[in-house]
Amino acid sequence: SNSMRGLTNFISDIRSCPNKEVEKKRVDKELSHIRERFLKEASMKGYDRKKYVCKMLYIYMLGYNFDFGHMEAVNLLSSLKYSEKQIGYLACALLLQEDDDVSRLIINSIMKDLSSRNELWMTLALSIVANIGGREMAETLHGPIEKILTTSGAPMVRKRAALALLRLYRKFPDIISPEEWRDKVIAIVEDRENMGIVTATLSLLIGLISQN
């Protein structure tokens, strides 16, 4: 599509670089251009922000580092368009560490998406909890995630909730007390309504048992 032509052209430029030195020059030029755009356009359209964040992700996957643009990825999380929100979550998952200050900023966005009742948004939010899963995330989000798992809802969402909870429990067993919801989790396994949920929930139960 036209919207991502700039990205396609950039990837094409990179692929045609004869050596690493030329590639680095092209990457530096692009990063400089992106930084300038971010500084100049405070109220940038979501579509443009998504395009530049995609370029940054491609640059990151080539092995280059940069010290800006993280907030632009965070800003995409509040978009109402799935494609923009998805790129925002992907960028945050790749670029942020669990103890970053920026990671703390995304907790509100995650909370909002978890309580949105939009299955796709909830799935994105649960995936990043499983990916980053810092202490502050665990403290703030384990309650809502437990609720998603143990109340009826879309199998895809509940499956992700079980895996996110397992990740948090493994890292922070001092925060999460399974005594409160263990019986409900066992009931999910016994119910066998959806094998995807049952499998994910079994993984959670095995995790609880092995930690103890």
N, C-alpha and C. Protein backbone atom coordinates (compact mmCIF):
# COMPACT_ATOMS: atom_id res chain seq x y z
N SER A 1 0.83 -1.18 0.00
CA SER A 1 0.00 0.00 0.00
C SER A 1 0.87 1.24 0.00
N ASN A 2 0.30 2.36 -0.45
CA ASN A 2 1.02 3.63 -0.51
C ASN A 2 1.58 4.02 0.84
N SER A 3 0.79 3.73 1.90
CA SER A 3 1.15 4.17 3.23
C SER A 3 2.53 3.69 3.65
N MET A 4 2.90 2.49 3.22
CA MET A 4 4.16 1.92 3.67
C MET A 4 5.22 1.91 2.57
N ARG A 5 4.99 2.70 1.53
CA ARG A 5 5.94 2.71 0.41
C ARG A 5 7.33 3.15 0.87
N GLY A 6 7.35 4.13 1.80
CA GLY A 6 8.64 4.61 2.32
C GLY A 6 9.43 3.49 2.97
N LEU A 7 8.71 2.63 3.69
CA LEU A 7 9.35 1.49 4.35
C LEU A 7 9.88 0.50 3.31
N THR A 8 9.05 0.20 2.32
CA THR A 8 9.45 -0.74 1.26
C THR A 8 10.69 -0.23 0.53
N ASN A 9 10.69 1.07 0.22
CA ASN A 9 11.84 1.66 -0.49
C ASN A 9 13.10 1.60 0.36
N PHE A 10 12.94 1.85 1.66
CA PHE A 10 14.10 1.82 2.56
C PHE A 10 14.70 0.40 2.62
N ILE A 11 13.82 -0.59 2.75
CA ILE A 11 14.29 -1.99 2.81
C ILE A 11 15.02 -2.35 1.50
N SER A 12 14.47 -1.87 0.41
CA SER A 12 15.08 -2.11 -0.91
C SER A 12 16.47 -1.48 -0.98
N ASP A 13 16.58 -0.23 -0.47
CA ASP A 13 17.89 0.47 -0.43
C ASP A 13 18.91 -0.33 0.37
N ILE A 14 18.48 -0.81 1.54
CA ILE A 14 19.38 -1.55 2.43
C ILE A 14 19.85 -2.84 1.76
N ARG A 15 18.92 -3.52 1.11
CA ARG A 15 19.26 -4.79 0.46
C ARG A 15 20.25 -4.61 -0.68
N SER A 16 20.23 -3.43 -1.29
CA SER A 16 21.12 -3.22 -2.44
C SER A 16 22.47 -2.61 -2.03
N CYS A 17 22.69 -2.43 -0.73
CA CYS A 17 23.99 -1.92 -0.27
C CYS A 17 25.09 -2.96 -0.54
N PRO A 18 26.18 -2.53 -1.18
CA PRO A 18 27.23 -3.50 -1.53
C PRO A 18 28.03 -4.00 -0.34
N ASN A 19 28.08 -3.21 0.74
CA ASN A 19 28.84 -3.65 1.92
C ASN A 19 28.28 -3.00 3.18
N LYS A 20 28.82 -3.43 4.32
CA LYS A 20 28.31 -3.00 5.62
C LYS A 20 28.50 -1.49 5.85
N GLU A 21 29.61 -0.98 5.32
CA GLU A 21 29.92 0.45 5.49
C GLU A 21 28.85 1.32 4.82
N VAL A 22 28.49 0.95 3.60
CA VAL A 22 27.46 1.69 2.86
C VAL A 22 26.12 1.54 3.58
N GLU A 23 25.85 0.33 4.06
CA GLU A 23 24.60 0.07 4.79
C GLU A 23 24.51 0.98 6.03
N LYS A 24 25.61 1.07 6.77
CA LYS A 24 25.61 1.88 8.00
C LYS A 24 25.33 3.35 7.68
N LYS A 25 25.93 3.84 6.59
CA LYS A 25 25.68 5.24 6.19
C LYS A 25 24.21 5.45 5.88
N ARG A 26 23.62 4.48 5.17
CA ARG A 26 22.19 4.60 4.80
C ARG A 26 21.31 4.55 6.06
N VAL A 27 21.67 3.67 6.99
CA VAL A 27 20.92 3.55 8.25
C VAL A 27 21.03 4.85 9.06
N ASP A 28 22.26 5.39 9.17
CA ASP A 28 22.47 6.63 9.93
C ASP A 28 21.66 7.78 9.34
N LYS A 29 21.63 7.83 8.03
CA LYS A 29 20.86 8.88 7.33
C LYS A 29 19.37 8.75 7.65
N GLU A 30 18.90 7.50 7.63
CA GLU A 30 17.47 7.26 7.89
C GLU A 30 17.12 7.58 9.34
N LEU A 31 17.98 7.18 10.27
CA LEU A 31 17.73 7.47 11.69
C LEU A 31 17.70 8.97 11.94
N SER A 32 18.60 9.67 11.28
CA SER A 32 18.65 11.13 11.42
C SER A 32 17.35 11.77 10.90
N HIS A 33 16.88 11.24 9.77
CA HIS A 33 15.62 11.73 9.18
C HIS A 33 14.43 11.44 10.12
N ILE A 34 14.38 10.24 10.67
CA ILE A 34 13.28 9.84 11.56
C ILE A 34 13.30 10.72 12.82
N ARG A 35 14.47 10.90 13.39
CA ARG A 35 14.60 11.72 14.61
C ARG A 35 14.07 13.14 14.36
N GLU A 36 14.46 13.67 13.20
CA GLU A 36 14.02 15.02 12.82
C GLU A 36 12.50 15.10 12.70
N ARG A 37 11.92 14.08 12.08
CA ARG A 37 10.46 14.06 11.92
C ARG A 37 9.75 13.98 13.27
N PHE A 38 10.26 13.14 14.16
CA PHE A 38 9.66 13.01 15.49
C PHE A 38 9.74 14.34 16.26
N LEU A 39 10.87 15.04 16.12
CA LEU A 39 11.04 16.31 16.83
C LEU A 39 10.14 17.40 16.26
N LYS A 40 10.00 17.41 14.94
CA LYS A 40 9.24 18.47 14.27
C LYS A 40 7.74 18.28 14.37
N GLU A 41 7.30 17.03 14.33
CA GLU A 41 5.85 16.78 14.25
C GLU A 41 5.33 16.17 15.54
N ALA A 42 5.07 17.05 16.47
CA ALA A 42 4.56 16.57 17.78
C ALA A 42 3.21 15.87 17.62
N SER A 43 2.38 16.40 16.71
CA SER A 43 1.06 15.80 16.50
C SER A 43 1.02 14.97 15.21
N MET A 44 2.02 14.14 15.05
CA MET A 44 2.13 13.29 13.86
C MET A 44 0.94 12.34 13.75
N LYS A 45 0.50 12.11 12.50
CA LYS A 45 -0.59 11.15 12.29
C LYS A 45 -0.11 9.75 12.69
N GLY A 46 -1.04 8.96 13.23
CA GLY A 46 -0.71 7.61 13.68
C GLY A 46 -0.08 6.78 12.59
N TYR A 47 -0.59 7.02 11.37
CA TYR A 47 -0.11 6.24 10.22
C TYR A 47 1.36 6.52 9.93
N ASP A 48 1.76 7.80 10.04
CA ASP A 48 3.17 8.15 9.83
C ASP A 48 4.03 7.63 10.97
N ARG A 49 3.51 7.76 12.19
CA ARG A 49 4.25 7.25 13.36
C ARG A 49 4.51 5.75 13.19
N LYS A 50 3.47 5.03 12.77
CA LYS A 50 3.61 3.57 12.57
C LYS A 50 4.70 3.28 11.53
N LYS A 51 4.71 4.04 10.45
CA LYS A 51 5.69 3.82 9.38
C LYS A 51 7.12 4.01 9.90
N TYR A 52 7.34 5.08 10.67
CA TYR A 52 8.69 5.35 11.19
C TYR A 52 9.10 4.32 12.24
N VAL A 53 8.16 3.91 13.07
CA VAL A 53 8.48 2.89 14.08
C VAL A 53 8.81 1.57 13.38
N CYS A 54 8.11 1.24 12.29
CA CYS A 54 8.42 0.03 11.51
C CYS A 54 9.84 0.10 10.95
N LYS A 55 10.23 1.27 10.45
CA LYS A 55 11.60 1.43 9.95
C LYS A 55 12.60 1.20 11.07
N MET A 56 12.28 1.75 12.25
CA MET A 56 13.19 1.59 13.38
C MET A 56 13.31 0.12 13.80
N LEU A 57 12.20 -0.60 13.73
CA LEU A 57 12.23 -2.03 14.07
C LEU A 57 13.11 -2.79 13.08
N TYR A 58 12.99 -2.43 11.81
CA TYR A 58 13.81 -3.09 10.79
C TYR A 58 15.29 -2.80 11.05
N ILE A 59 15.60 -1.53 11.38
CA ILE A 59 16.98 -1.13 11.68
C ILE A 59 17.50 -1.89 12.91
N TYR A 60 16.63 -2.01 13.90
CA TYR A 60 17.00 -2.74 15.13
C TYR A 60 17.30 -4.20 14.81
N MET A 61 16.48 -4.80 13.94
CA MET A 61 16.69 -6.21 13.60
C MET A 61 17.94 -6.41 12.75
N LEU A 62 18.43 -5.35 12.13
CA LEU A 62 19.70 -5.43 11.39
C LEU A 62 20.89 -5.38 12.35
N GLY A 63 20.61 -5.06 13.63
CA GLY A 63 21.68 -5.07 14.62
C GLY A 63 22.16 -3.69 15.05
N TYR A 64 21.44 -2.64 14.64
CA TYR A 64 21.83 -1.28 15.03
C TYR A 64 21.03 -0.83 16.25
N ASN A 65 21.68 -0.01 17.08
CA ASN A 65 21.00 0.52 18.27
C ASN A 65 20.73 2.00 18.11
N PHE A 66 19.74 2.50 18.82
CA PHE A 66 19.43 3.93 18.81
C PHE A 66 18.83 4.28 20.16
N ASP A 67 18.92 5.54 20.52
CA ASP A 67 18.50 5.96 21.86
C ASP A 67 17.29 6.90 21.84
N PHE A 68 16.48 6.78 20.81
CA PHE A 68 15.28 7.63 20.73
C PHE A 68 14.15 6.81 20.10
N GLY A 69 12.95 7.37 20.14
CA GLY A 69 11.83 6.73 19.45
C GLY A 69 10.99 5.81 20.31
N HIS A 70 11.46 5.51 21.52
CA HIS A 70 10.72 4.59 22.37
C HIS A 70 9.35 5.15 22.74
N MET A 71 9.31 6.46 22.99
CA MET A 71 8.03 7.08 23.34
C MET A 71 7.06 7.07 22.17
N GLU A 72 7.59 7.09 20.96
CA GLU A 72 6.72 7.04 19.77
C GLU A 72 6.02 5.69 19.70
N ALA A 73 6.76 4.64 20.06
CA ALA A 73 6.16 3.30 20.10
C ALA A 73 5.08 3.25 21.18
N VAL A 74 5.38 3.84 22.34
CA VAL A 74 4.42 3.88 23.44
C VAL A 74 3.15 4.63 23.01
N ASN A 75 3.33 5.72 22.28
CA ASN A 75 2.17 6.50 21.82
C ASN A 75 1.25 5.71 20.90
N LEU A 76 1.82 4.77 20.16
CA LEU A 76 1.00 3.94 19.27
C LEU A 76 0.04 3.03 20.04
N LEU A 77 0.38 2.72 21.29
CA LEU A 77 -0.47 1.83 22.09
C LEU A 77 -1.87 2.41 22.31
N SER A 78 -1.96 3.73 22.33
CA SER A 78 -3.27 4.36 22.59
C SER A 78 -4.10 4.55 21.31
N SER A 79 -3.55 4.09 20.17
CA SER A 79 -4.30 4.21 18.91
C SER A 79 -5.54 3.32 18.94
N LEU A 80 -6.57 3.74 18.24
CA LEU A 80 -7.79 2.93 18.14
C LEU A 80 -7.74 2.02 16.90
N LYS A 81 -6.66 2.14 16.12
CA LYS A 81 -6.50 1.29 14.93
C LYS A 81 -5.63 0.09 15.30
N TYR A 82 -6.12 -1.09 14.98
CA TYR A 82 -5.41 -2.32 15.37
C TYR A 82 -3.99 -2.35 14.82
N SER A 83 -3.81 -2.00 13.54
CA SER A 83 -2.47 -2.11 12.92
C SER A 83 -1.46 -1.20 13.62
N GLU A 84 -1.91 -0.03 14.07
CA GLU A 84 -1.00 0.90 14.76
C GLU A 84 -0.70 0.38 16.18
N LYS A 85 -1.74 -0.07 16.85
CA LYS A 85 -1.57 -0.60 18.21
C LYS A 85 -0.65 -1.84 18.17
N GLN A 86 -0.84 -2.68 17.17
CA GLN A 86 -0.05 -3.91 17.04
C GLN A 86 1.44 -3.59 16.88
N ILE A 87 1.76 -2.61 16.01
CA ILE A 87 3.16 -2.22 15.82
C ILE A 87 3.72 -1.60 17.10
N GLY A 88 2.89 -0.83 17.81
CA GLY A 88 3.31 -0.25 19.08
C GLY A 88 3.70 -1.33 20.08
N TYR A 89 2.85 -2.35 20.21
CA TYR A 89 3.13 -3.44 21.15
C TYR A 89 4.37 -4.24 20.72
N LEU A 90 4.49 -4.48 19.42
CA LEU A 90 5.65 -5.23 18.92
C LEU A 90 6.93 -4.46 19.22
N ALA A 91 6.91 -3.15 18.97
CA ALA A 91 8.10 -2.32 19.21
C ALA A 91 8.44 -2.29 20.70
N CYS A 92 7.43 -2.15 21.53
CA CYS A 92 7.68 -2.14 22.98
C CYS A 92 8.27 -3.47 23.45
N ALA A 93 7.74 -4.56 22.91
CA ALA A 93 8.23 -5.89 23.30
C ALA A 93 9.70 -6.07 22.92
N LEU A 94 10.10 -5.50 21.77
CA LEU A 94 11.47 -5.66 21.30
C LEU A 94 12.44 -4.66 21.93
N LEU A 95 11.96 -3.43 22.12
CA LEU A 95 12.88 -2.35 22.49
C LEU A 95 12.98 -2.07 23.99
N LEU A 96 11.95 -2.46 24.74
CA LEU A 96 11.94 -2.12 26.17
C LEU A 96 12.44 -3.27 27.04
N GLN A 97 13.09 -2.93 28.12
CA GLN A 97 13.49 -3.91 29.13
C GLN A 97 12.55 -3.78 30.32
N GLU A 98 12.45 -4.83 31.13
CA GLU A 98 11.45 -4.83 32.19
C GLU A 98 11.67 -3.73 33.23
N ASP A 99 12.92 -3.29 33.41
CA ASP A 99 13.16 -2.27 34.44
C ASP A 99 13.32 -0.86 33.86
N ASP A 100 13.03 -0.70 32.57
CA ASP A 100 13.06 0.64 31.96
C ASP A 100 11.99 1.53 32.59
N ASP A 101 12.29 2.82 32.67
CA ASP A 101 11.26 3.78 33.09
C ASP A 101 10.11 3.77 32.10
N VAL A 102 10.44 3.62 30.81
CA VAL A 102 9.40 3.63 29.77
C VAL A 102 8.46 2.44 29.94
N SER A 103 9.00 1.30 30.39
CA SER A 103 8.16 0.12 30.60
C SER A 103 7.05 0.41 31.61
N ARG A 104 7.38 1.25 32.60
CA ARG A 104 6.37 1.59 33.61
C ARG A 104 5.25 2.42 32.99
N LEU A 105 5.61 3.21 31.97
CA LEU A 105 4.62 4.09 31.34
C LEU A 105 3.56 3.31 30.57
N ILE A 106 3.90 2.10 30.13
CA ILE A 106 2.93 1.38 29.29
C ILE A 106 1.90 0.60 30.12
N ILE A 107 2.09 0.57 31.44
CA ILE A 107 1.18 -0.21 32.28
C ILE A 107 -0.26 0.29 32.16
N ASN A 108 -0.44 1.61 32.12
CA ASN A 108 -1.80 2.17 31.98
C ASN A 108 -2.45 1.77 30.66
N SER A 109 -1.65 1.80 29.58
CA SER A 109 -2.18 1.39 28.27
C SER A 109 -2.58 -0.08 28.28
N ILE A 110 -1.74 -0.92 28.92
CA ILE A 110 -2.05 -2.36 29.01
C ILE A 110 -3.34 -2.56 29.79
N MET A 111 -3.44 -1.87 30.92
CA MET A 111 -4.63 -1.99 31.77
C MET A 111 -5.89 -1.61 30.99
N LYS A 112 -5.78 -0.53 30.23
CA LYS A 112 -6.92 -0.05 29.43
C LYS A 112 -7.34 -1.12 28.41
N ASP A 113 -6.35 -1.72 27.75
CA ASP A 113 -6.65 -2.73 26.73
C ASP A 113 -7.19 -4.02 27.35
N LEU A 114 -6.69 -4.36 28.54
CA LEU A 114 -7.18 -5.56 29.22
C LEU A 114 -8.65 -5.42 29.61
N SER A 115 -9.06 -4.20 29.91
CA SER A 115 -10.46 -4.00 30.33
C SER A 115 -11.35 -3.51 29.18
N SER A 116 -10.82 -3.57 27.94
CA SER A 116 -11.55 -3.02 26.79
C SER A 116 -12.64 -3.93 26.25
N ARG A 117 -12.58 -5.22 26.57
CA ARG A 117 -13.47 -6.25 26.01
C ARG A 117 -13.26 -6.46 24.51
N ASN A 118 -12.22 -5.81 23.96
CA ASN A 118 -11.86 -6.04 22.56
C ASN A 118 -10.84 -7.18 22.57
N GLU A 119 -11.22 -8.33 22.03
CA GLU A 119 -10.38 -9.54 22.13
C GLU A 119 -8.99 -9.35 21.54
N LEU A 120 -8.91 -8.64 20.41
CA LEU A 120 -7.61 -8.45 19.76
C LEU A 120 -6.70 -7.58 20.61
N TRP A 121 -7.27 -6.52 21.17
CA TRP A 121 -6.49 -5.63 22.02
C TRP A 121 -6.04 -6.35 23.29
N MET A 122 -6.95 -7.13 23.86
CA MET A 122 -6.62 -7.87 25.08
C MET A 122 -5.47 -8.86 24.82
N THR A 123 -5.51 -9.50 23.66
CA THR A 123 -4.47 -10.47 23.29
C THR A 123 -3.11 -9.79 23.16
N LEU A 124 -3.09 -8.61 22.52
CA LEU A 124 -1.83 -7.85 22.39
C LEU A 124 -1.28 -7.49 23.76
N ALA A 125 -2.18 -7.02 24.64
CA ALA A 125 -1.77 -6.58 25.98
C ALA A 125 -1.20 -7.76 26.79
N LEU A 126 -1.87 -8.91 26.71
CA LEU A 126 -1.41 -10.09 27.46
C LEU A 126 -0.07 -10.59 26.93
N SER A 127 0.12 -10.48 25.62
CA SER A 127 1.38 -10.93 25.02
C SER A 127 2.55 -10.12 25.53
N ILE A 128 2.35 -8.81 25.67
CA ILE A 128 3.50 -7.98 26.12
C ILE A 128 3.79 -8.22 27.59
N VAL A 129 2.76 -8.53 28.37
CA VAL A 129 3.00 -8.87 29.78
C VAL A 129 3.87 -10.12 29.85
N ALA A 130 3.56 -11.10 29.01
CA ALA A 130 4.36 -12.34 28.98
C ALA A 130 5.77 -12.07 28.48
N ASN A 131 5.93 -11.07 27.61
CA ASN A 131 7.24 -10.76 27.04
C ASN A 131 8.13 -9.95 27.97
N ILE A 132 7.57 -8.89 28.56
CA ILE A 132 8.38 -7.99 29.39
C ILE A 132 8.27 -8.36 30.86
N GLY A 133 7.04 -8.42 31.36
CA GLY A 133 6.75 -8.90 32.70
C GLY A 133 7.63 -8.41 33.83
N GLY A 134 7.74 -7.11 34.01
CA GLY A 134 8.52 -6.57 35.13
C GLY A 134 7.76 -6.64 36.45
N ARG A 135 8.44 -6.30 37.54
CA ARG A 135 7.84 -6.39 38.87
C ARG A 135 6.62 -5.48 38.99
N GLU A 136 6.75 -4.26 38.50
CA GLU A 136 5.62 -3.32 38.61
C GLU A 136 4.41 -3.82 37.81
N MET A 137 4.69 -4.41 36.65
CA MET A 137 3.61 -5.00 35.85
C MET A 137 2.93 -6.11 36.64
N ALA A 138 3.74 -6.96 37.25
CA ALA A 138 3.20 -8.09 38.02
C ALA A 138 2.31 -7.58 39.16
N GLU A 139 2.80 -6.56 39.87
CA GLU A 139 2.04 -6.03 41.02
C GLU A 139 0.70 -5.44 40.58
N THR A 140 0.73 -4.70 39.45
CA THR A 140 -0.46 -3.98 39.01
C THR A 140 -1.44 -4.84 38.24
N LEU A 141 -0.91 -5.78 37.45
CA LEU A 141 -1.76 -6.45 36.46
C LEU A 141 -2.15 -7.89 36.79
N HIS A 142 -1.53 -8.50 37.81
CA HIS A 142 -1.84 -9.93 38.01
C HIS A 142 -3.31 -10.14 38.37
N GLY A 143 -3.90 -9.20 39.11
CA GLY A 143 -5.33 -9.33 39.48
C GLY A 143 -6.25 -9.36 38.27
N PRO A 144 -6.17 -8.33 37.40
CA PRO A 144 -7.00 -8.34 36.19
C PRO A 144 -6.76 -9.56 35.30
N ILE A 145 -5.51 -10.03 35.23
CA ILE A 145 -5.20 -11.18 34.37
C ILE A 145 -5.81 -12.46 34.96
N GLU A 146 -5.73 -12.61 36.28
CA GLU A 146 -6.36 -13.76 36.94
C GLU A 146 -7.86 -13.77 36.64
N LYS A 147 -8.47 -12.58 36.67
CA LYS A 147 -9.91 -12.46 36.43
C LYS A 147 -10.26 -12.88 35.00
N ILE A 148 -9.43 -12.45 34.04
CA ILE A 148 -9.66 -12.80 32.63
C ILE A 148 -9.60 -14.32 32.45
N LEU A 149 -8.62 -14.95 33.11
CA LEU A 149 -8.47 -16.40 32.98
C LEU A 149 -9.65 -17.14 33.59
N THR A 150 -10.11 -16.69 34.75
CA THR A 150 -11.08 -17.49 35.50
C THR A 150 -12.54 -17.11 35.25
N THR A 151 -12.78 -16.13 34.37
CA THR A 151 -14.17 -15.83 33.99
C THR A 151 -14.35 -16.20 32.52
N SER A 152 -15.58 -16.46 32.13
CA SER A 152 -15.80 -16.93 30.76
C SER A 152 -15.49 -15.81 29.77
N GLY A 153 -14.90 -16.20 28.66
CA GLY A 153 -14.52 -15.24 27.63
C GLY A 153 -13.92 -15.98 26.45
N ALA A 154 -13.37 -15.22 25.50
CA ALA A 154 -12.81 -15.85 24.30
C ALA A 154 -11.64 -16.78 24.66
N PRO A 155 -11.65 -18.02 24.14
CA PRO A 155 -10.58 -18.98 24.43
C PRO A 155 -9.19 -18.41 24.15
N MET A 156 -9.04 -17.69 23.02
CA MET A 156 -7.74 -17.13 22.64
C MET A 156 -7.21 -16.20 23.75
N VAL A 157 -8.11 -15.38 24.31
CA VAL A 157 -7.72 -14.42 25.34
C VAL A 157 -7.37 -15.14 26.64
N ARG A 158 -8.18 -16.10 27.02
CA ARG A 158 -7.95 -16.82 28.28
C ARG A 158 -6.67 -17.65 28.22
N LYS A 159 -6.38 -18.19 27.05
CA LYS A 159 -5.14 -18.95 26.85
C LYS A 159 -3.93 -18.05 27.08
N ARG A 160 -3.98 -16.84 26.48
CA ARG A 160 -2.88 -15.88 26.68
C ARG A 160 -2.77 -15.46 28.14
N ALA A 161 -3.93 -15.35 28.80
CA ALA A 161 -3.94 -14.95 30.22
C ALA A 161 -3.21 -16.00 31.07
N ALA A 162 -3.45 -17.28 30.78
CA ALA A 162 -2.79 -18.36 31.53
C ALA A 162 -1.27 -18.29 31.34
N LEU A 163 -0.84 -18.04 30.11
CA LEU A 163 0.60 -18.00 29.82
C LEU A 163 1.25 -16.76 30.43
N ALA A 164 0.53 -15.62 30.41
CA ALA A 164 1.06 -14.39 31.02
C ALA A 164 1.21 -14.59 32.53
N LEU A 165 0.21 -15.22 33.13
CA LEU A 165 0.23 -15.47 34.57
C LEU A 165 1.38 -16.41 34.96
N LEU A 166 1.61 -17.42 34.12
CA LEU A 166 2.71 -18.36 34.37
C LEU A 166 4.04 -17.62 34.36
N ARG A 167 4.21 -16.75 33.38
CA ARG A 167 5.46 -15.97 33.27
C ARG A 167 5.66 -15.11 34.52
N LEU A 168 4.60 -14.41 34.94
CA LEU A 168 4.70 -13.54 36.11
C LEU A 168 4.96 -14.35 37.38
N TYR A 169 4.31 -15.49 37.49
CA TYR A 169 4.47 -16.32 38.70
C TYR A 169 5.90 -16.86 38.79
N ARG A 170 6.44 -17.29 37.66
CA ARG A 170 7.81 -17.81 37.66
C ARG A 170 8.82 -16.75 38.09
N LYS A 171 8.56 -15.51 37.66
CA LYS A 171 9.51 -14.44 37.97
C LYS A 171 9.29 -13.84 39.36
N PHE A 172 8.03 -13.76 39.78
CA PHE A 172 7.72 -13.08 41.04
C PHE A 172 6.76 -13.89 41.91
N PRO A 173 7.20 -15.04 42.38
CA PRO A 173 6.30 -15.87 43.19
C PRO A 173 5.90 -15.18 44.51
N ASP A 174 6.69 -14.17 44.89
CA ASP A 174 6.38 -13.45 46.13
C ASP A 174 5.18 -12.51 45.97
N ILE A 175 4.90 -12.13 44.74
CA ILE A 175 3.80 -11.19 44.48
C ILE A 175 2.48 -11.93 44.26
N ILE A 176 2.56 -13.03 43.53
CA ILE A 176 1.35 -13.72 43.09
C ILE A 176 1.03 -14.89 44.02
N SER A 177 -0.15 -14.85 44.63
CA SER A 177 -0.53 -15.93 45.55
C SER A 177 -1.64 -16.77 44.93
N PRO A 178 -1.26 -17.92 44.36
CA PRO A 178 -2.22 -18.74 43.63
C PRO A 178 -3.32 -19.35 44.50
N GLU A 179 -3.15 -19.32 45.83
CA GLU A 179 -4.17 -19.90 46.72
C GLU A 179 -5.55 -19.32 46.41
N GLU A 180 -5.57 -18.04 46.02
CA GLU A 180 -6.85 -17.34 45.80
C GLU A 180 -7.60 -17.86 44.57
N TRP A 181 -6.86 -18.32 43.57
CA TRP A 181 -7.54 -18.70 42.32
C TRP A 181 -7.20 -20.11 41.83
N ARG A 182 -6.43 -20.85 42.64
CA ARG A 182 -6.00 -22.20 42.21
C ARG A 182 -7.18 -23.11 41.91
N ASP A 183 -8.21 -23.09 42.77
CA ASP A 183 -9.36 -23.98 42.58
C ASP A 183 -10.09 -23.67 41.27
N LYS A 184 -10.19 -22.39 40.95
CA LYS A 184 -10.84 -22.00 39.68
C LYS A 184 -10.05 -22.50 38.49
N VAL A 185 -8.73 -22.47 38.62
CA VAL A 185 -7.86 -22.94 37.53
C VAL A 185 -8.02 -24.45 37.35
N ILE A 186 -8.09 -25.18 38.46
CA ILE A 186 -8.29 -26.63 38.39
C ILE A 186 -9.63 -26.94 37.72
N ALA A 187 -10.64 -26.12 38.04
CA ALA A 187 -11.97 -26.31 37.43
C ALA A 187 -11.93 -26.14 35.92
N ILE A 188 -11.09 -25.22 35.43
CA ILE A 188 -10.95 -25.00 33.98
C ILE A 188 -10.43 -26.27 33.32
N VAL A 189 -9.44 -26.88 33.95
CA VAL A 189 -8.84 -28.12 33.39
C VAL A 189 -9.87 -29.23 33.38
N GLU A 190 -10.65 -29.34 34.46
CA GLU A 190 -11.64 -30.42 34.56
C GLU A 190 -12.80 -30.23 33.59
N ASP A 191 -13.07 -28.96 33.26
CA ASP A 191 -14.19 -28.64 32.39
C ASP A 191 -13.94 -29.08 30.93
N ARG A 192 -12.71 -28.97 30.49
CA ARG A 192 -12.29 -29.40 29.15
C ARG A 192 -13.11 -28.79 28.02
N GLU A 193 -13.55 -27.56 28.20
CA GLU A 193 -14.40 -26.95 27.16
C GLU A 193 -13.60 -26.59 25.91
N ASN A 194 -12.32 -26.28 26.10
CA ASN A 194 -11.49 -25.88 24.95
C ASN A 194 -10.07 -26.38 25.22
N MET A 195 -9.56 -27.20 24.31
CA MET A 195 -8.27 -27.84 24.57
C MET A 195 -7.12 -26.83 24.63
N GLY A 196 -7.25 -25.72 23.89
CA GLY A 196 -6.22 -24.67 23.93
C GLY A 196 -6.11 -24.08 25.32
N ILE A 197 -7.27 -23.76 25.92
CA ILE A 197 -7.28 -23.20 27.28
C ILE A 197 -6.77 -24.25 28.27
N VAL A 198 -7.23 -25.49 28.11
CA VAL A 198 -6.84 -26.56 29.02
C VAL A 198 -5.32 -26.74 29.01
N THR A 199 -4.73 -26.77 27.81
CA THR A 199 -3.27 -26.96 27.68
C THR A 199 -2.51 -25.82 28.35
N ALA A 200 -2.94 -24.57 28.07
CA ALA A 200 -2.27 -23.41 28.67
C ALA A 200 -2.43 -23.42 30.18
N THR A 201 -3.62 -23.80 30.64
CA THR A 201 -3.89 -23.82 32.08
C THR A 201 -3.11 -24.93 32.78
N LEU A 202 -2.97 -26.07 32.09
CA LEU A 202 -2.14 -27.16 32.63
C LEU A 202 -0.70 -26.70 32.81
N SER A 203 -0.19 -25.94 31.81
CA SER A 203 1.18 -25.40 31.92
C SER A 203 1.29 -24.52 33.15
N LEU A 204 0.24 -23.72 33.40
CA LEU A 204 0.23 -22.85 34.57
C LEU A 204 0.25 -23.68 35.86
N LEU A 205 -0.59 -24.72 35.90
CA LEU A 205 -0.66 -25.57 37.10
C LEU A 205 0.67 -26.27 37.37
N ILE A 206 1.28 -26.79 36.30
CA ILE A 206 2.58 -27.46 36.44
C ILE A 206 3.61 -26.47 36.95
N GLY A 207 3.53 -25.23 36.45
CA GLY A 207 4.44 -24.17 36.92
C GLY A 207 4.25 -23.89 38.40
N LEU A 208 2.99 -23.85 38.84
CA LEU A 208 2.69 -23.59 40.26
C LEU A 208 3.26 -24.72 41.14
N ILE A 209 3.05 -25.95 40.67
CA ILE A 209 3.49 -27.11 41.45
C ILE A 209 5.03 -27.15 41.53
N SER A 210 5.67 -26.89 40.37
CA SER A 210 7.15 -26.99 40.35
C SER A 210 7.79 -25.88 41.19
N GLN A 211 7.17 -24.71 41.25
CA GLN A 211 7.72 -23.62 42.07
C GLN A 211 7.63 -23.98 43.55
N ASN A 212 6.56 -24.71 43.90
CA ASN A 212 6.37 -25.06 45.30
C ASN A 212 7.16 -26.31 45.67
